Amino acid sequence: MNIYRIKLRLTDGQRVAYTGLFADGCEAVLQALSDWPGARSVTAICLRRTDK
């Protein structure tokens, strides 16, 4: 599991950012799109890799 910083821009121009624990970047983006289906853009930045 890795720590990702997720940044979203919603259709109304509002910005949302949060940090979460995900297996990979794809999972992080898919979860963000599931939580905010109307997002115009999603960015996932890996802050710390915990792969062994």
C-alpha atoms as a PDB file:
ATOM      1  CA  MET A   1       0.000   0.000   0.000  1.00  0.00           C
ATOM      2  CA  ASN A   2       1.163   3.509  -0.853  1.00  0.00           C
ATOM      3  CA  ILE A   3       0.228   6.975   0.370  1.00  0.00           C
ATOM      4  CA  TYR A   4      -1.273   9.212  -2.340  1.00  0.00           C
ATOM      5  CA  ARG A   5      -2.296  12.874  -2.402  1.00  0.00           C
ATOM      6  CA  ILE A   6      -5.494  13.179  -4.467  1.00  0.00           C
ATOM      7  CA  LYS A   7      -6.505  16.505  -6.023  1.00  0.00           C
ATOM      8  CA  LEU A   8      -9.809  17.029  -7.828  1.00  0.00           C
ATOM      9  CA  ARG A   9     -11.470  19.864  -9.669  1.00  0.00           C
ATOM     10  CA  LEU A  10     -15.246  19.658  -9.699  1.00  0.00           C
ATOM     11  CA  THR A  11     -17.563  20.915 -12.444  1.00  0.00           C
ATOM     12  CA  ASP A  12     -18.494  24.000 -10.392  1.00  0.00           C
ATOM     13  CA  GLY A  13     -14.799  24.979 -10.123  1.00  0.00           C
ATOM     14  CA  GLN A  14     -14.412  23.840  -6.526  1.00  0.00           C
ATOM     15  CA  ARG A  15     -11.132  22.122  -5.623  1.00  0.00           C
ATOM     16  CA  VAL A  16     -10.890  19.112  -3.305  1.00  0.00           C
ATOM     17  CA  ALA A  17      -7.708  17.533  -1.937  1.00  0.00           C
ATOM     18  CA  TYR A  18      -7.141  14.641   0.421  1.00  0.00           C
ATOM     19  CA  THR A  19      -4.563  11.987   1.304  1.00  0.00           C
ATOM     20  CA  GLY A  20      -5.241   8.260   1.253  1.00  0.00           C
ATOM     21  CA  LEU A  21      -3.750   4.797   1.325  1.00  0.00           C
ATOM     22  CA  PHE A  22      -4.070   2.882  -1.968  1.00  0.00           C
ATOM     23  CA  ALA A  23      -2.485  -0.124  -3.676  1.00  0.00           C
ATOM     24  CA  ASP A  24      -1.545   1.965  -6.754  1.00  0.00           C
ATOM     25  CA  GLY A  25      -2.296   5.198  -8.572  1.00  0.00           C
ATOM     26  CA  CYS A  26      -4.997   3.634 -10.708  1.00  0.00           C
ATOM     27  CA  GLU A  27      -6.932   2.548  -7.618  1.00  0.00           C
ATOM     28  CA  ALA A  28      -6.547   6.051  -6.156  1.00  0.00           C
ATOM     29  CA  VAL A  29      -7.994   7.703  -9.290  1.00  0.00           C
ATOM     30  CA  LEU A  30     -10.838   5.185  -9.638  1.00  0.00           C
ATOM     31  CA  GLN A  31     -11.824   5.643  -5.992  1.00  0.00           C
ATOM     32  CA  ALA A  32     -11.766   9.437  -6.362  1.00  0.00           C
ATOM     33  CA  LEU A  33     -13.984   9.226  -9.453  1.00  0.00           C
ATOM     34  CA  SER A  34     -16.327   6.929  -7.561  1.00  0.00           C
ATOM     35  CA  ASP A  35     -16.535   9.384  -4.654  1.00  0.00           C
ATOM     36  CA  TRP A  36     -16.931  12.455  -6.927  1.00  0.00           C
ATOM     37  CA  PRO A  37     -18.431  11.239 -10.232  1.00  0.00           C
ATOM     38  CA  GLY A  38     -18.781  14.808 -11.557  1.00  0.00           C
ATOM     39  CA  ALA A  39     -15.085  15.645 -11.269  1.00  0.00           C
ATOM     40  CA  ARG A  40     -13.551  17.377 -14.289  1.00  0.00           C
ATOM     41  CA  SER A  41     -10.010  16.346 -13.399  1.00  0.00           C
ATOM     42  CA  VAL A  42      -8.264  14.034 -10.943  1.00  0.00           C
ATOM     43  CA  THR A  43      -4.586  13.970 -10.000  1.00  0.00           C
ATOM     44  CA  ALA A  44      -2.928  11.268  -7.872  1.00  0.00           C
ATOM     45  CA  ILE A  45       0.571  11.965  -6.562  1.00  0.00           C
ATOM     46  CA  CYS A  46       2.467   9.215  -4.753  1.00  0.00           C
ATOM     47  CA  LEU A  47       3.898  10.637  -1.537  1.00  0.00           C
ATOM     48  CA  ARG A  48       5.406   7.488  -0.095  1.00  0.00           C
ATOM     49  CA  ARG A  49       5.900   4.021  -1.514  1.00  0.00           C
ATOM     50  CA  THR A  50       5.705   1.232   1.020  1.00  0.00           C
ATOM     51  CA  ASP A  51       6.432  -1.655  -1.372  1.00  0.00           C
ATOM     52  CA  LYS A  52       8.768  -4.280  -0.029  1.00  0.00           C
END
